[in-house]
Protein backbone atom coordinates (compact mmCIF):
# COMPACT_ATOMS: atom_id res chain seq x y z
CA MET A 1 53.21 2.29 -52.38
CA THR A 2 54.42 3.57 -49.05
CA SER A 3 54.97 1.59 -45.89
CA GLU A 4 52.20 3.57 -44.20
CA ALA A 5 49.70 2.59 -46.86
CA LEU A 6 50.57 -1.06 -46.44
CA SER A 7 50.46 -1.12 -42.66
CA ILE A 8 48.11 -3.61 -41.02
CA ARG A 9 48.86 -2.57 -37.46
CA ARG A 10 45.99 -3.26 -35.09
CA PRO A 11 46.57 -2.01 -31.54
CA VAL A 12 43.41 -3.73 -30.28
CA ASP A 13 42.61 -6.37 -27.72
CA PRO A 14 42.47 -9.71 -29.55
CA ALA A 15 40.07 -10.96 -26.87
CA SER A 16 37.41 -8.47 -27.91
CA PRO A 17 34.84 -10.29 -30.10
CA GLY A 18 34.12 -7.15 -32.06
CA ALA A 19 37.72 -6.13 -32.65
CA PRO A 20 39.10 -6.19 -36.21
CA GLY A 21 40.87 -9.48 -36.76
CA ALA A 22 39.32 -11.04 -33.65
CA PRO A 23 38.77 -14.82 -33.68
CA THR A 24 35.45 -15.94 -35.09
CA GLY A 25 33.33 -19.05 -34.60
CA PRO A 26 31.95 -20.81 -31.54
CA SER A 27 35.33 -21.19 -29.79
CA PRO A 28 37.40 -18.06 -30.44
CA ARG A 29 40.14 -19.11 -28.05
CA HIS A 30 40.72 -22.60 -29.47
CA SER A 31 42.05 -23.51 -32.90
CA ARG A 32 43.36 -26.52 -34.70
CA VAL A 33 46.80 -24.86 -35.13
CA ALA A 34 48.45 -21.99 -33.27
CA VAL A 35 51.58 -20.47 -34.79
CA VAL A 36 53.93 -18.41 -32.63
CA GLY A 37 55.01 -15.38 -34.63
CA ALA A 38 53.89 -13.56 -37.78
CA GLY A 39 57.27 -13.02 -39.39
CA PHE A 40 58.03 -14.60 -42.76
CA THR A 41 58.29 -18.07 -41.25
CA GLY A 42 54.94 -17.77 -39.49
CA LEU A 43 53.38 -16.43 -42.68
CA ALA A 44 54.87 -19.36 -44.60
CA VAL A 45 53.14 -21.76 -42.21
CA GLY A 46 49.86 -19.92 -42.65
CA LEU A 47 50.16 -20.03 -46.44
CA ALA A 48 50.94 -23.75 -46.39
CA LEU A 49 47.90 -24.42 -44.22
CA LEU A 50 45.64 -22.38 -46.50
CA ARG A 51 46.93 -24.23 -49.55
CA ARG A 52 45.93 -27.51 -47.90
CA GLY A 53 42.49 -26.25 -46.95
CA VAL A 54 43.19 -25.68 -43.27
CA HIS A 55 41.54 -22.43 -42.17
CA ASP A 56 41.26 -23.02 -38.43
CA PHE A 57 44.53 -21.48 -37.25
CA VAL A 58 45.87 -18.37 -35.55
CA LEU A 59 49.17 -16.53 -35.75
CA LEU A 60 50.07 -15.29 -32.26
CA GLU A 61 52.14 -12.14 -32.72
CA ARG A 62 53.62 -10.24 -29.79
CA ALA A 63 53.93 -6.93 -31.67
CA ASP A 64 51.37 -4.85 -33.57
CA ASP A 65 52.48 -5.63 -37.11
CA VAL A 66 53.66 -8.59 -39.18
CA GLY A 67 57.20 -8.92 -40.53
CA GLY A 68 59.20 -10.14 -37.54
CA VAL A 69 62.86 -9.25 -37.92
CA TRP A 70 62.06 -6.77 -40.70
CA ARG A 71 59.55 -4.98 -38.51
CA ASP A 72 61.98 -4.85 -35.58
CA ASN A 73 65.17 -3.86 -37.41
CA THR A 74 64.98 -0.26 -38.58
CA TYR A 75 68.60 0.77 -38.12
CA PRO A 76 70.26 2.91 -40.82
CA GLY A 77 71.33 0.77 -43.77
CA VAL A 78 69.25 -2.30 -42.91
CA GLY A 79 68.69 -4.65 -45.84
CA VAL A 80 69.01 -8.22 -47.01
CA ASP A 81 72.43 -9.81 -47.43
CA THR A 82 70.91 -12.57 -49.57
CA PRO A 83 69.91 -11.65 -53.14
CA SER A 84 66.33 -10.41 -53.01
CA PRO A 85 64.89 -12.88 -55.57
CA LEU A 86 66.02 -15.68 -53.26
CA TYR A 87 64.69 -13.98 -50.14
CA GLN A 88 61.01 -14.48 -50.81
CA LEU A 89 58.35 -17.14 -50.49
CA ARG A 90 57.95 -19.12 -53.67
CA ALA A 91 54.24 -19.42 -52.93
CA MET A 92 53.95 -15.63 -53.28
CA THR A 93 56.89 -14.10 -55.10
CA ASN A 94 57.58 -10.37 -55.23
CA PRO A 95 58.52 -8.81 -58.58
CA GLU A 96 58.90 -5.33 -57.10
CA TRP A 97 62.42 -5.43 -55.63
CA SER A 98 64.21 -2.20 -56.54
CA GLU A 99 67.70 -3.65 -56.01
CA LEU A 100 69.45 -7.00 -56.11
CA TYR A 101 69.92 -6.58 -52.34
CA ALA A 102 66.70 -4.92 -51.21
CA PRO A 103 66.53 -2.35 -48.41
CA GLY A 104 64.72 -3.44 -45.26
CA HIS A 105 61.60 -1.31 -45.76
CA GLU A 106 60.87 -3.12 -49.05
CA VAL A 107 61.08 -6.49 -47.33
CA GLN A 108 58.71 -5.29 -44.62
CA ASP A 109 56.31 -3.92 -47.25
CA TYR A 110 56.41 -7.32 -48.96
CA ALA A 111 55.49 -9.06 -45.68
CA ARG A 112 52.53 -6.71 -45.22
CA ARG A 113 51.29 -7.18 -48.80
CA LEU A 114 51.65 -10.91 -48.43
CA ALA A 115 49.58 -10.96 -45.23
CA ARG A 116 46.87 -8.71 -46.66
CA SER A 117 46.53 -10.21 -50.14
CA THR A 118 46.21 -13.80 -48.90
CA GLY A 119 43.87 -13.11 -46.00
CA LEU A 120 46.50 -14.14 -43.47
CA ALA A 121 46.08 -10.80 -41.71
CA ASP A 122 42.68 -12.02 -40.48
CA HIS A 123 44.38 -14.91 -38.68
CA VAL A 124 46.85 -12.74 -36.76
CA ARG A 125 46.24 -11.98 -33.07
CA PHE A 126 48.38 -8.94 -32.28
CA GLY A 127 49.68 -8.29 -28.79
CA ALA A 128 49.60 -12.03 -28.09
CA ASP A 129 53.12 -12.63 -26.80
CA VAL A 130 53.50 -16.27 -25.83
CA LEU A 131 54.52 -16.07 -22.18
CA SER A 132 54.36 -19.85 -21.74
CA ALA A 133 52.85 -22.89 -23.39
CA ARG A 134 52.25 -26.28 -21.81
CA TRP A 135 51.09 -29.59 -23.22
CA ASP A 136 47.84 -30.82 -21.64
CA ALA A 137 48.03 -34.59 -22.04
CA ASP A 138 44.46 -35.24 -20.89
CA ALA A 139 42.91 -32.84 -23.36
CA ALA A 140 45.58 -33.48 -26.02
CA ARG A 141 46.07 -29.80 -26.66
CA TRP A 142 48.48 -26.96 -25.96
CA ARG A 143 47.55 -24.34 -23.39
CA ILE A 144 49.13 -21.03 -24.35
CA ASP A 145 49.36 -18.14 -21.93
CA THR A 146 49.45 -14.63 -23.43
CA PRO A 147 48.92 -11.10 -22.05
CA THR A 148 45.39 -11.23 -23.50
CA GLY A 149 44.50 -14.53 -21.85
CA GLU A 150 44.78 -18.21 -22.67
CA PHE A 151 44.62 -19.70 -26.15
CA THR A 152 44.45 -23.43 -26.77
CA ALA A 153 45.41 -25.39 -29.88
CA ASP A 154 45.66 -28.98 -30.99
CA VAL A 155 48.96 -28.30 -32.74
CA LEU A 156 51.54 -25.67 -31.77
CA VAL A 157 54.09 -24.36 -34.27
CA SER A 158 56.94 -22.20 -32.98
CA ALA A 159 57.91 -19.67 -35.65
CA ALA A 160 59.34 -17.27 -33.09
CA GLY A 161 62.36 -16.55 -35.27
CA LEU A 162 66.06 -17.38 -35.15
CA VAL A 163 67.09 -13.73 -34.60
CA ALA A 164 64.09 -12.37 -32.72
CA ASP A 165 65.52 -11.57 -29.28
CA PRO A 166 68.61 -9.36 -28.98
CA LYS A 167 71.53 -10.60 -26.90
CA GLN A 168 72.63 -8.04 -24.34
CA PRO A 169 76.33 -8.29 -23.42
CA ASP A 170 77.19 -8.85 -19.77
CA VAL A 171 79.70 -6.00 -19.45
CA ALA A 172 80.59 -4.22 -16.23
CA GLY A 173 79.44 -0.61 -16.17
CA LEU A 174 77.22 -0.80 -19.25
CA ASP A 175 74.02 -0.32 -17.25
CA ALA A 176 75.43 2.85 -15.69
CA PHE A 177 76.43 4.52 -18.97
CA PRO A 178 74.91 8.04 -18.85
CA GLY A 179 74.08 8.32 -22.55
CA PRO A 180 71.85 6.35 -24.96
CA VAL A 181 72.55 2.61 -25.09
CA PHE A 182 70.48 0.42 -27.42
CA HIS A 183 70.66 -2.70 -29.53
CA SER A 184 70.53 -2.29 -33.30
CA ALA A 185 67.35 -4.44 -33.40
CA ARG A 186 65.67 -1.94 -31.08
CA TRP A 187 66.92 1.24 -32.72
CA ASP A 188 66.22 4.39 -30.73
CA HIS A 189 65.00 6.89 -33.31
CA THR A 190 64.73 9.58 -30.65
CA ALA A 191 68.51 9.54 -30.16
CA ASP A 192 70.15 12.18 -32.34
CA LEU A 193 73.62 10.79 -33.10
CA ALA A 194 74.64 13.49 -35.58
CA GLY A 195 77.90 15.09 -34.50
CA SER A 196 78.21 12.72 -31.52
CA ARG A 197 80.91 10.34 -30.43
CA VAL A 198 79.45 6.89 -30.98
CA ALA A 199 80.69 3.40 -30.12
CA VAL A 200 79.47 0.46 -32.20
CA VAL A 201 80.00 -2.85 -30.42
CA GLY A 202 80.35 -5.78 -32.82
CA THR A 203 81.39 -6.23 -36.45
CA GLY A 204 78.96 -8.79 -37.82
CA ALA A 205 76.26 -8.66 -40.49
CA THR A 206 74.47 -5.70 -38.88
CA ALA A 207 77.56 -3.60 -38.23
CA ILE A 208 78.79 -3.75 -41.82
CA GLN A 209 75.49 -2.22 -42.94
CA LEU A 210 75.26 0.28 -40.09
CA VAL A 211 78.84 1.59 -39.85
CA PRO A 212 78.94 3.13 -43.36
CA ARG A 213 75.73 5.04 -42.60
CA LEU A 214 76.87 6.29 -39.21
CA GLN A 215 80.43 7.25 -40.13
CA PRO A 216 79.63 10.37 -42.21
CA GLN A 217 77.17 11.66 -39.58
CA VAL A 218 79.12 11.38 -36.33
CA SER A 219 82.15 13.30 -35.10
CA GLN A 220 83.91 10.16 -33.89
CA LEU A 221 83.07 6.53 -34.57
CA HIS A 222 84.65 3.87 -32.36
CA VAL A 223 84.16 0.31 -33.62
CA LEU A 224 84.79 -2.39 -31.02
CA GLN A 225 85.64 -5.59 -32.84
CA ARG A 226 85.84 -8.97 -31.15
CA THR A 227 86.81 -10.85 -34.31
CA PRO A 228 86.97 -9.59 -37.92
CA ALA A 229 84.87 -11.16 -40.66
CA TRP A 230 85.56 -12.28 -44.21
CA ILE A 231 84.02 -9.68 -46.51
CA LEU A 232 83.46 -10.13 -50.24
CA PRO A 233 82.53 -7.48 -52.82
CA LYS A 234 78.79 -6.88 -53.00
CA PRO A 235 77.32 -7.14 -56.50
CA GLU A 236 75.01 -4.16 -56.06
CA ARG A 237 72.68 -3.54 -58.94
CA PRO A 238 69.38 -1.66 -59.24
CA VAL A 239 66.47 -3.50 -60.86
CA GLY A 240 65.03 -1.45 -63.70
CA GLU A 241 61.36 -0.73 -64.22
CA ARG A 242 61.31 -2.79 -67.43
CA THR A 243 62.70 -5.82 -65.59
CA ARG A 244 60.16 -5.44 -62.78
CA ARG A 245 57.29 -5.27 -65.29
CA ALA A 246 58.57 -8.38 -67.07
CA LEU A 247 58.84 -10.33 -63.81
CA ALA A 248 55.33 -9.28 -62.78
CA ALA A 249 53.88 -10.28 -66.13
CA ASN A 250 55.67 -13.61 -66.40
CA PRO A 251 55.79 -15.85 -63.30
CA LEU A 252 57.90 -18.36 -65.24
CA LEU A 253 60.60 -15.72 -65.70
CA SER A 254 60.48 -15.00 -61.98
CA ARG A 255 60.90 -18.71 -61.25
CA MET A 256 63.85 -18.95 -63.65
CA GLN A 257 65.50 -16.00 -61.92
CA PHE A 258 64.98 -17.69 -58.57
CA ASP A 259 66.44 -20.98 -59.82
CA VAL A 260 69.57 -19.37 -61.25
CA ILE A 261 70.32 -17.48 -58.04
CA TYR A 262 69.48 -20.55 -55.95
CA VAL A 263 72.02 -22.67 -57.81
CA GLY A 264 74.68 -19.99 -57.34
CA ALA A 265 73.93 -19.72 -53.62
CA GLU A 266 74.12 -23.49 -53.20
CA LEU A 267 77.49 -23.59 -54.95
CA LEU A 268 78.80 -20.96 -52.54
CA ALA A 269 77.28 -22.86 -49.62
CA ALA A 270 79.46 -25.83 -50.59
CA THR A 271 82.25 -24.01 -48.75
CA ARG A 272 81.01 -25.87 -45.66
CA ARG A 273 82.82 -28.97 -46.96
CA SER A 274 85.10 -27.82 -49.79
CA ARG A 275 88.51 -26.53 -48.73
CA LEU A 276 89.39 -25.65 -52.33
CA LEU A 277 86.34 -23.41 -52.64
CA ARG A 278 87.06 -21.80 -49.28
CA GLU A 279 90.63 -21.04 -50.33
CA ALA A 280 89.40 -19.51 -53.59
CA LEU A 281 86.92 -17.25 -51.79
CA THR A 282 89.52 -16.38 -49.16
CA ARG A 283 91.71 -15.02 -51.96
CA VAL A 284 88.80 -12.93 -53.19
CA GLY A 285 88.30 -11.60 -49.66
CA ARG A 286 91.99 -10.77 -49.26
CA ARG A 287 92.08 -8.90 -52.58
CA HIS A 288 88.96 -6.96 -51.59
CA LEU A 289 90.53 -6.03 -48.26
CA THR A 290 93.84 -5.04 -49.83
CA SER A 291 92.17 -2.85 -52.45
CA GLN A 292 90.12 -0.95 -49.87
CA VAL A 293 92.49 -0.74 -46.88
CA THR A 294 95.96 0.53 -47.75
CA ASP A 295 97.27 0.82 -44.17
CA PRO A 296 99.07 -2.49 -43.47
CA ALA A 297 98.53 -2.28 -39.70
CA LEU A 298 94.80 -1.65 -40.00
CA ARG A 299 94.51 -4.29 -42.71
CA ALA A 300 96.14 -6.86 -40.43
CA ARG A 301 93.63 -6.12 -37.67
CA LEU A 302 90.75 -6.53 -40.15
CA THR A 303 92.03 -9.89 -41.44
CA PRO A 304 90.36 -12.99 -39.94
CA ASP A 305 92.55 -15.81 -38.63
CA PHE A 306 89.96 -18.52 -39.32
CA ASP A 307 88.65 -20.29 -42.41
CA TYR A 308 86.23 -18.62 -44.76
CA ALA A 309 82.59 -19.58 -43.88
CA CYS A 310 83.46 -20.66 -40.34
CA LYS A 311 81.47 -17.58 -39.35
CA ARG A 312 78.85 -16.07 -41.61
CA PRO A 313 80.58 -14.53 -44.66
CA LEU A 314 79.57 -10.95 -45.40
CA VAL A 315 79.23 -8.77 -48.51
CA SER A 316 79.90 -5.04 -48.57
CA ASN A 317 81.53 -2.39 -50.71
CA ASP A 318 81.44 0.46 -48.19
CA TYR A 319 82.24 -1.01 -44.76
CA LEU A 320 86.00 -1.20 -45.23
CA PRO A 321 86.26 2.35 -46.66
CA ALA A 322 84.28 3.58 -43.64
CA MET A 323 86.81 1.86 -41.37
CA THR A 324 89.61 3.87 -43.01
CA ALA A 325 87.90 7.23 -42.54
CA PRO A 326 89.74 9.80 -40.36
CA ASN A 327 86.94 9.88 -37.76
CA THR A 328 86.82 6.06 -37.36
CA THR A 329 88.88 4.17 -34.80
CA LEU A 330 89.05 0.38 -34.65
CA HIS A 331 89.38 -1.22 -31.21
CA THR A 332 90.04 -4.95 -30.92
CA GLY A 333 89.20 -7.47 -28.24
CA GLY A 334 85.55 -6.44 -28.00
CA LEU A 335 83.98 -4.39 -25.23
CA ALA A 336 85.65 -5.23 -21.91
CA ARG A 337 83.96 -2.71 -19.61
CA VAL A 338 82.44 0.74 -19.39
CA GLU A 339 83.69 3.39 -16.98
CA GLY A 340 81.31 6.34 -16.91
CA ARG A 341 81.33 7.64 -20.49
CA THR A 342 84.47 5.68 -21.38
CA VAL A 343 84.37 2.38 -23.24
CA VAL A 344 87.35 0.10 -22.66
CA SER A 345 88.17 -2.55 -25.24
CA GLY A 346 89.87 -5.88 -24.77
CA ASP A 347 93.11 -4.50 -26.22
CA GLY A 348 93.19 -1.88 -23.45
CA SER A 349 92.34 1.11 -25.63
CA ARG A 350 89.84 3.63 -24.30
CA ALA A 351 87.42 6.12 -25.81
CA GLU A 352 85.00 8.61 -24.36
CA VAL A 353 81.68 8.40 -26.18
CA ASP A 354 78.20 9.90 -26.07
CA ALA A 355 76.22 6.84 -27.20
CA ILE A 356 76.68 3.07 -27.50
CA VAL A 357 75.08 0.95 -30.22
CA LEU A 358 75.12 -2.80 -29.64
CA THR A 359 75.30 -5.13 -32.64
CA THR A 360 75.89 -8.13 -30.40
CA GLY A 361 73.65 -10.73 -31.98
CA PHE A 362 70.65 -12.63 -30.72
CA GLU A 363 69.62 -15.32 -28.27
CA VAL A 364 69.69 -18.52 -30.33
CA GLY A 365 68.83 -22.15 -29.63
CA ALA A 366 68.78 -23.15 -25.97
CA THR A 367 69.09 -19.54 -24.82
CA ALA A 368 66.19 -18.26 -26.94
CA PRO A 369 63.25 -17.18 -24.73
CA ILE A 370 60.84 -19.47 -26.58
CA ALA A 371 62.84 -22.53 -25.46
CA ARG A 372 62.24 -21.49 -21.85
CA ARG A 373 58.52 -20.94 -22.47
CA LEU A 374 57.59 -24.28 -24.06
CA HIS A 375 56.83 -26.93 -21.42
CA ASP A 376 56.03 -30.62 -21.50
CA ALA A 377 53.11 -32.13 -19.56
CA ALA A 378 55.22 -32.26 -16.38
CA GLY A 379 56.10 -28.55 -16.66
CA ARG A 380 59.71 -29.04 -17.73
CA SER A 381 60.87 -26.55 -20.35
CA LEU A 382 62.47 -27.36 -23.68
CA HIS A 383 65.50 -25.39 -22.46
CA GLU A 384 65.83 -27.78 -19.51
CA HIS A 385 65.60 -30.80 -21.80
CA TRP A 386 68.21 -29.45 -24.18
CA GLY A 387 70.82 -28.12 -21.80
CA ALA A 388 73.82 -27.17 -23.94
CA TYR A 389 72.72 -29.37 -26.87
CA PRO A 390 69.64 -28.14 -28.78
CA ARG A 391 68.41 -31.00 -30.91
CA ALA A 392 65.26 -32.16 -32.67
CA TYR A 393 64.20 -34.68 -35.30
CA LEU A 394 64.40 -32.84 -38.65
CA GLY A 395 65.06 -29.79 -36.49
CA MET A 396 61.32 -29.72 -35.72
CA SER A 397 60.21 -32.41 -33.24
CA TYR A 398 61.49 -33.30 -29.77
CA PRO A 399 60.34 -36.25 -27.60
CA GLY A 400 57.93 -35.40 -24.82
CA PHE A 401 56.49 -32.40 -26.69
CA PRO A 402 53.61 -33.87 -28.72
CA ASN A 403 52.02 -31.91 -31.53
CA LEU A 404 54.82 -29.33 -31.41
CA PHE A 405 56.82 -28.28 -34.45
CA LEU A 406 59.84 -25.98 -34.26
CA MET A 407 60.49 -23.82 -37.31
CA GLN A 408 64.19 -23.24 -38.08
CA GLY A 409 65.02 -25.32 -35.05
CA PRO A 410 68.35 -27.02 -34.27
CA ASN A 411 70.47 -27.66 -37.39
CA ALA A 412 67.59 -26.69 -39.66
CA THR A 413 68.53 -23.38 -41.23
CA SER A 414 71.21 -21.97 -43.50
CA GLY A 415 73.94 -19.40 -43.08
CA ALA A 416 74.72 -19.21 -46.78
CA SER A 417 71.51 -19.63 -48.76
CA SER A 418 68.08 -18.18 -47.92
CA THR A 419 66.58 -19.14 -44.57
CA LEU A 420 63.15 -18.93 -46.21
CA LEU A 421 63.91 -22.07 -48.20
CA PHE A 422 63.90 -23.91 -44.89
CA SER A 423 60.83 -22.05 -43.67
CA GLU A 424 58.78 -23.09 -46.69
CA ALA A 425 59.99 -26.70 -46.58
CA GLN A 426 59.09 -26.95 -42.90
CA ALA A 427 55.76 -25.21 -43.45
CA ARG A 428 54.75 -27.75 -46.11
CA TYR A 429 55.79 -30.58 -43.78
CA VAL A 430 53.72 -29.16 -40.91
CA ALA A 431 50.66 -28.67 -43.14
CA ASP A 432 51.02 -32.25 -44.36
CA ALA A 433 51.20 -33.46 -40.76
CA VAL A 434 48.06 -31.53 -39.78
CA CYS A 435 46.12 -32.96 -42.73
CA ARG A 436 47.40 -36.47 -42.01
CA MET A 437 46.23 -36.17 -38.41
CA ALA A 438 42.79 -35.07 -39.55
CA ALA A 439 42.47 -37.77 -42.20
CA GLU A 440 43.50 -40.64 -39.89
CA GLY A 441 41.90 -39.51 -36.66
CA ILE A 442 45.20 -38.87 -34.90
CA ARG A 443 44.93 -37.15 -31.53
CA SER A 444 48.62 -36.66 -30.82
CA LEU A 445 52.03 -37.24 -32.37
CA ASP A 446 55.18 -37.56 -30.27
CA VAL A 447 58.49 -38.26 -31.99
CA ARG A 448 60.17 -41.34 -30.54
CA ALA A 449 63.37 -40.80 -28.57
CA ASP A 450 65.26 -43.37 -30.64
CA ALA A 451 64.27 -41.60 -33.89
CA GLU A 452 65.45 -38.25 -32.57
CA GLU A 453 68.70 -39.79 -31.27
CA ARG A 454 69.50 -41.45 -34.61
CA TRP A 455 68.81 -38.20 -36.42
CA THR A 456 70.97 -36.20 -34.02
CA ARG A 457 73.87 -38.66 -34.27
CA ARG A 458 73.74 -38.32 -38.05
CA ILE A 459 73.73 -34.52 -37.80
CA ARG A 460 76.64 -34.55 -35.33
CA ARG A 461 78.74 -36.80 -37.60
CA ARG A 462 78.12 -34.64 -40.63
CA SER A 463 78.63 -31.37 -38.76
CA ALA A 464 81.97 -32.54 -37.42
CA ARG A 465 83.29 -32.59 -40.99
CA THR A 466 82.15 -29.06 -41.82
CA VAL A 467 83.93 -25.74 -41.50
CA TYR A 468 81.41 -24.82 -38.81
CA GLU A 469 83.40 -27.01 -36.41
CA THR A 470 86.82 -27.30 -38.07
CA GLY A 471 87.34 -23.71 -39.26
CA GLY A 472 89.03 -22.38 -36.13
CA CYS A 473 86.44 -19.82 -35.05
CA SER A 474 83.82 -19.30 -32.39
CA SER A 475 80.37 -18.37 -33.67
CA TYR A 476 76.69 -18.39 -32.77
CA TYR A 477 76.46 -21.59 -34.82
CA GLN A 478 78.16 -23.42 -31.95
CA ASN A 479 77.36 -24.24 -28.36
CA ASP A 480 79.95 -23.64 -25.63
CA GLU A 481 81.72 -26.87 -26.58
CA GLY A 482 82.21 -25.88 -30.20
CA VAL A 483 79.48 -28.15 -31.59
CA ASN A 484 77.36 -26.82 -34.45
CA VAL A 485 73.79 -26.78 -33.14
CA VAL A 486 72.32 -24.22 -35.54
CA MET A 487 73.28 -24.80 -39.18
CA TRP A 488 72.17 -27.57 -41.53
CA PRO A 489 75.39 -29.39 -42.47
CA ALA A 490 74.42 -30.33 -46.05
CA ASN A 491 72.83 -28.72 -49.10
CA THR A 492 69.39 -27.18 -48.96
CA ALA A 493 67.96 -29.52 -51.58
CA GLU A 494 68.59 -32.51 -49.33
CA TYR A 495 66.63 -30.95 -46.49
CA GLN A 496 63.77 -30.09 -48.84
CA LEU A 497 63.66 -33.70 -49.99
CA ARG A 498 63.69 -35.05 -46.45
CA THR A 499 60.73 -32.86 -45.51
CA ARG A 500 58.73 -33.17 -48.72
CA ARG A 501 56.08 -35.22 -46.90
CA PHE A 502 55.23 -36.12 -43.32
CA ARG A 503 56.04 -39.69 -42.22
CA LEU A 504 54.30 -41.35 -39.29
CA SER A 505 56.90 -44.05 -38.61
CA PRO A 506 59.23 -41.95 -36.39
CA PHE A 507 56.30 -40.97 -34.11
CA ASP A 508 54.28 -42.53 -31.33
CA VAL A 509 50.68 -42.05 -32.39
CA GLU A 510 47.56 -41.71 -30.27
CA ARG A 511 44.36 -41.97 -32.22
CA GLY A 512 40.89 -40.67 -31.39
CA ARG A 513 38.45 -38.33 -33.05
CA THR A 514 39.17 -35.48 -30.69
CA GLY A 515 41.60 -32.59 -30.84
CA ALA A 516 43.78 -32.67 -33.95
CA GLY A 517 42.10 -35.90 -35.00
CA ARG A 518 38.82 -34.27 -35.98
CA PRO A 519 38.36 -34.39 -39.74
CA LEU A 520 38.70 -31.37 -41.99
CA HIS A 521 35.21 -30.59 -43.33
CA PRO A 522 34.96 -29.17 -45.81
CA LEU A 523 38.41 -29.31 -47.39
CA ARG A 524 38.72 -25.97 -49.16
CA PRO A 525 42.05 -25.75 -50.93
CA VAL A 526 43.21 -22.24 -51.75
CA ARG A 527 44.86 -21.35 -55.03
CA LEU A 528 47.31 -18.50 -54.44
CA ALA A 529 48.50 -16.03 -57.03
CA ALA A 530 52.13 -16.21 -58.16
CA THR A 531 52.93 -12.69 -57.08
CA ALA A 532 52.13 -10.52 -54.08
């Protein structure tokens, strides 16, 4: 099935009562739960709510389609760098992956099928970018400002995405560059790069997928590297039709496949604490580099000087060969400035180019736009509360922001295993909280400051012993002081256990049969199919 056939784009005004997908019921602008974003994490929240019988919720999506990062990223070569069977929601698995590492369009198609087949598409309000949200203490609800007007909700869940908003480098002269300049997450398909001189800024997870696709098409490729990355061989393997049919026919086989890959990913993720494992994988990375780059000088510039897993490890079989191609030039020190059509790197080298592609990462944590748009009752933003230290109890709850849950918040995601494991764990926790509030007549929940502080101290102690802080690198995992404020410092199973059910004890509770405290009648649990 093609992407076009699966599309659920709706360029309509969500405020229009007759529009497809418009809110229904007596109060179309108010819901029990509002979820920011309809990427995989937002969809996971919606599925968890449906499974618990909660139907009164909306997914506020700023774009005109579901999928989040997979909708936005359409650059050449885009795909998962986590094995596909692990990169899926266990509530709705996908047996149709064509490769062990699926291309991006298949992941986006999966998101669309998931939304359509479960009925989640009817809960999405497209074009509803959350411009700001503020807690109304008197009404015990969130007031959410969007381009289509105000929504209100008893509970607000931020599933805006860890890599949703591109980071634009502050480089002198970049704004005045006369040719196309765009971030990889906002790929300009009108720009014809064939035969051009192109600069790619950055050498992270996006660049290693993009560079091999660009290199054969352009006349000159200039790669501006700030720091090299550890790259391991990629176990590429197509998934045969017989295997796909067997997985579709037998959900147990699909679950076994998931479990095997999950265990392998968790063993690799142990590099966060195990020096022996890091040294073993470093040797694999060095052998891979040596076999693909014969020039000693180039190989030295592509060799990291920090521990394996300090930054996100990468997998690729074609990036390093592309870097050795005659039309590719490696510049080190990153992009220092732009002078007309000339890019100047930190090592002083210069190149005249026709286009610049930025693979410079995303706004994460305190700098993410959503942190500036969520406000407490006094109007103070989450960004102002956090400063340089994003923090939250279980990565989800912060004092002074009642009935708010952050998905993949501070220290509540993974750089080695699948981020969706965290999304589903958090989604189940949120659904449990919503049902608990309804069952016990709870109007608002506000995590206590002492509970958040104890949790954060524990996270800081454990993070300080991981490679994220001791590995000798600078990464988006860290704040400006080198403290890991993004990654979970232990194994995924522990986080899943800690969030397996919602506990009231860390929260200040206000009861009253209004707002989130109104009972769920009737409770209509939904039984979801095993496959999309």
